[in-house]
């Protein structure tokens, strides 16, 4: 799927980046994986579709744009995302606060 010029790969991905694994109203982000510079809705989609192991973004890379809001297509830096209080800083759409449980899979 192509979203505002960004390719988002996932399993049963909708127009707001929800996928087979995470598909509540608030599951509207995609994360660019460091290893392949490709957006996926979640780590499970990466595991299912990528032919390589995931890599974690380091603390020194927090200014990298690596999170895509599925509601407005705004591309957040890692730092913006980690500090955003579960709302997109541009459109204020709510993100799933449960995603914090998986931060260690994406970010150092």
C-alpha atoms as a PDB file:
ATOM      1  CA  UNK A   1       0.000   0.000   0.000  1.00  0.00           C
ATOM      2  CA  UNK A   2       1.208   3.505  -0.818  1.00  0.00           C
ATOM      3  CA  UNK A   3       0.384   6.270   1.690  1.00  0.00           C
ATOM      4  CA  UNK A   4       1.469   9.819   0.797  1.00  0.00           C
ATOM      5  CA  UNK A   5       4.508   8.579  -1.039  1.00  0.00           C
ATOM      6  CA  UNK A   6       5.424   6.067   1.661  1.00  0.00           C
ATOM      7  CA  UNK A   7       5.226   2.358   0.975  1.00  0.00           C
ATOM      8  CA  UNK A   8       3.565   0.524   3.886  1.00  0.00           C
ATOM      9  CA  UNK A   9       3.834  -3.262   3.872  1.00  0.00           C
ATOM     10  CA  UNK A  10       1.531  -5.282   6.073  1.00  0.00           C
ATOM     11  CA  UNK A  11      -0.918  -8.141   6.340  1.00  0.00           C
ATOM     12  CA  UNK A  12      -4.453  -6.962   5.490  1.00  0.00           C
ATOM     13  CA  UNK A  13      -3.455  -3.302   5.885  1.00  0.00           C
ATOM     14  CA  UNK A  14      -6.180  -0.660   5.566  1.00  0.00           C
ATOM     15  CA  UNK A  15      -5.923   2.984   4.429  1.00  0.00           C
ATOM     16  CA  UNK A  16      -5.038   4.139   7.976  1.00  0.00           C
ATOM     17  CA  UNK A  17      -2.312   1.475   8.492  1.00  0.00           C
ATOM     18  CA  UNK A  18      -4.315  -0.929  10.659  1.00  0.00           C
ATOM     19  CA  UNK A  19      -3.390  -4.552  10.028  1.00  0.00           C
ATOM     20  CA  UNK A  20      -4.491  -8.101  10.711  1.00  0.00           C
ATOM     21  CA  UNK A  21      -2.660  -8.069  14.062  1.00  0.00           C
ATOM     22  CA  UNK A  22      -3.639  -4.606  15.356  1.00  0.00           C
ATOM     23  CA  UNK A  23      -6.875  -3.152  14.043  1.00  0.00           C
ATOM     24  CA  UNK A  24      -8.629  -1.089  16.704  1.00  0.00           C
ATOM     25  CA  UNK A  25      -9.748   2.470  15.962  1.00  0.00           C
ATOM     26  CA  UNK A  26      -6.508   3.787  17.526  1.00  0.00           C
ATOM     27  CA  UNK A  27      -4.088   1.458  15.693  1.00  0.00           C
ATOM     28  CA  UNK A  28      -3.197   4.086  13.109  1.00  0.00           C
ATOM     29  CA  UNK A  29       0.583   4.266  12.959  1.00  0.00           C
ATOM     30  CA  UNK A  30       3.182   2.552  10.852  1.00  0.00           C
ATOM     31  CA  UNK A  31       6.809   2.304  11.897  1.00  0.00           C
ATOM     32  CA  UNK A  32       9.753   2.517   9.527  1.00  0.00           C
ATOM     33  CA  UNK A  33      12.041  -0.384  10.345  1.00  0.00           C
ATOM     34  CA  UNK A  34      15.704   0.546  10.555  1.00  0.00           C
ATOM     35  CA  UNK A  35      16.861  -2.646   8.862  1.00  0.00           C
ATOM     36  CA  UNK A  36      15.013  -2.097   5.596  1.00  0.00           C
ATOM     37  CA  UNK A  37      13.815   1.531   5.778  1.00  0.00           C
ATOM     38  CA  UNK A  38      10.310   0.246   5.063  1.00  0.00           C
ATOM     39  CA  UNK A  39       7.112   1.093   6.936  1.00  0.00           C
ATOM     40  CA  UNK A  40       5.135  -1.734   8.546  1.00  0.00           C
ATOM     41  CA  UNK A  41       2.042  -1.438  10.775  1.00  0.00           C
ATOM     42  CA  UNK A  42       3.644  -3.669  13.422  1.00  0.00           C
ATOM     43  CA  UNK A  43       6.483  -6.029  14.263  1.00  0.00           C
ATOM     44  CA  UNK A  44       4.318  -9.047  13.411  1.00  0.00           C
ATOM     45  CA  UNK A  45       3.801  -7.777   9.862  1.00  0.00           C
ATOM     46  CA  UNK A  46       7.579  -7.305   9.559  1.00  0.00           C
ATOM     47  CA  UNK A  47       8.155 -10.861  10.794  1.00  0.00           C
ATOM     48  CA  UNK A  48       5.604 -12.209   8.311  1.00  0.00           C
ATOM     49  CA  UNK A  49       6.775 -10.296   5.243  1.00  0.00           C
ATOM     50  CA  UNK A  50      10.455  -9.395   5.605  1.00  0.00           C
ATOM     51  CA  UNK A  51      13.236 -11.819   4.811  1.00  0.00           C
ATOM     52  CA  UNK A  52      15.534 -10.536   7.568  1.00  0.00           C
ATOM     53  CA  UNK A  53      15.514  -9.859  11.331  1.00  0.00           C
ATOM     54  CA  UNK A  54      14.352  -6.479  12.621  1.00  0.00           C
ATOM     55  CA  UNK A  55      16.841  -3.881  13.846  1.00  0.00           C
ATOM     56  CA  UNK A  56      16.180  -1.378  16.642  1.00  0.00           C
ATOM     57  CA  UNK A  57      16.631   2.384  16.196  1.00  0.00           C
ATOM     58  CA  UNK A  58      19.316   3.695  18.591  1.00  0.00           C
ATOM     59  CA  UNK A  59      18.902   6.647  20.954  1.00  0.00           C
ATOM     60  CA  UNK A  60      21.229   8.699  18.768  1.00  0.00           C
ATOM     61  CA  UNK A  61      18.786   8.284  15.840  1.00  0.00           C
ATOM     62  CA  UNK A  62      15.742   9.839  17.541  1.00  0.00           C
ATOM     63  CA  UNK A  63      15.634  12.731  15.057  1.00  0.00           C
ATOM     64  CA  UNK A  64      14.940  10.227  12.249  1.00  0.00           C
ATOM     65  CA  UNK A  65      11.471  10.375  10.712  1.00  0.00           C
ATOM     66  CA  UNK A  66      10.285   6.827  11.321  1.00  0.00           C
ATOM     67  CA  UNK A  67       6.620   6.906  12.419  1.00  0.00           C
ATOM     68  CA  UNK A  68       3.710   7.564  10.059  1.00  0.00           C
ATOM     69  CA  UNK A  69       0.298   8.754  11.259  1.00  0.00           C
ATOM     70  CA  UNK A  70      -2.305   6.792   9.331  1.00  0.00           C
ATOM     71  CA  UNK A  71      -4.942   9.497   9.866  1.00  0.00           C
ATOM     72  CA  UNK A  72      -3.175  12.553   8.386  1.00  0.00           C
ATOM     73  CA  UNK A  73      -0.045  10.940   6.872  1.00  0.00           C
ATOM     74  CA  UNK A  74       2.271  13.131   8.963  1.00  0.00           C
ATOM     75  CA  UNK A  75       5.731  11.608   9.367  1.00  0.00           C
ATOM     76  CA  UNK A  76       6.966  11.943  12.961  1.00  0.00           C
ATOM     77  CA  UNK A  77      10.510  11.716  14.205  1.00  0.00           C
ATOM     78  CA  UNK A  78      11.110   8.970  16.743  1.00  0.00           C
ATOM     79  CA  UNK A  79      11.520  11.635  19.427  1.00  0.00           C
ATOM     80  CA  UNK A  80       8.195  13.291  18.503  1.00  0.00           C
ATOM     81  CA  UNK A  81       6.453   9.945  18.674  1.00  0.00           C
ATOM     82  CA  UNK A  82       7.939   8.953  22.025  1.00  0.00           C
ATOM     83  CA  UNK A  83       6.953  12.318  23.499  1.00  0.00           C
ATOM     84  CA  UNK A  84       3.546  12.785  21.834  1.00  0.00           C
ATOM     85  CA  UNK A  85       1.266  11.562  24.629  1.00  0.00           C
ATOM     86  CA  UNK A  86      -0.587   9.125  22.318  1.00  0.00           C
ATOM     87  CA  UNK A  87      -1.869  11.835  19.964  1.00  0.00           C
ATOM     88  CA  UNK A  88      -0.547  12.902  16.580  1.00  0.00           C
ATOM     89  CA  UNK A  89       1.147  16.297  17.026  1.00  0.00           C
ATOM     90  CA  UNK A  90      -0.315  17.470  13.701  1.00  0.00           C
ATOM     91  CA  UNK A  91      -3.923  16.206  13.539  1.00  0.00           C
ATOM     92  CA  UNK A  92      -4.416  15.166  17.206  1.00  0.00           C
ATOM     93  CA  UNK A  93      -5.697  11.700  16.179  1.00  0.00           C
ATOM     94  CA  UNK A  94      -5.400   9.248  19.054  1.00  0.00           C
ATOM     95  CA  UNK A  95      -2.770   6.527  18.870  1.00  0.00           C
ATOM     96  CA  UNK A  96      -3.083   3.275  20.764  1.00  0.00           C
ATOM     97  CA  UNK A  97      -1.346   3.817  24.134  1.00  0.00           C
ATOM     98  CA  UNK A  98      -0.789   0.037  24.288  1.00  0.00           C
ATOM     99  CA  UNK A  99       1.904   0.439  21.620  1.00  0.00           C
ATOM    100  CA  UNK A 100       4.239   1.526  24.420  1.00  0.00           C
ATOM    101  CA  UNK A 101       4.512  -2.120  25.449  1.00  0.00           C
ATOM    102  CA  UNK A 102       6.321  -2.788  22.169  1.00  0.00           C
ATOM    103  CA  UNK A 103       8.685   0.207  22.068  1.00  0.00           C
ATOM    104  CA  UNK A 104      11.635  -2.066  22.881  1.00  0.00           C
ATOM    105  CA  UNK A 105      11.033  -3.901  19.595  1.00  0.00           C
ATOM    106  CA  UNK A 106      11.521  -0.691  17.591  1.00  0.00           C
ATOM    107  CA  UNK A 107      13.503   1.792  19.699  1.00  0.00           C
ATOM    108  CA  UNK A 108      16.481   1.560  22.059  1.00  0.00           C
END
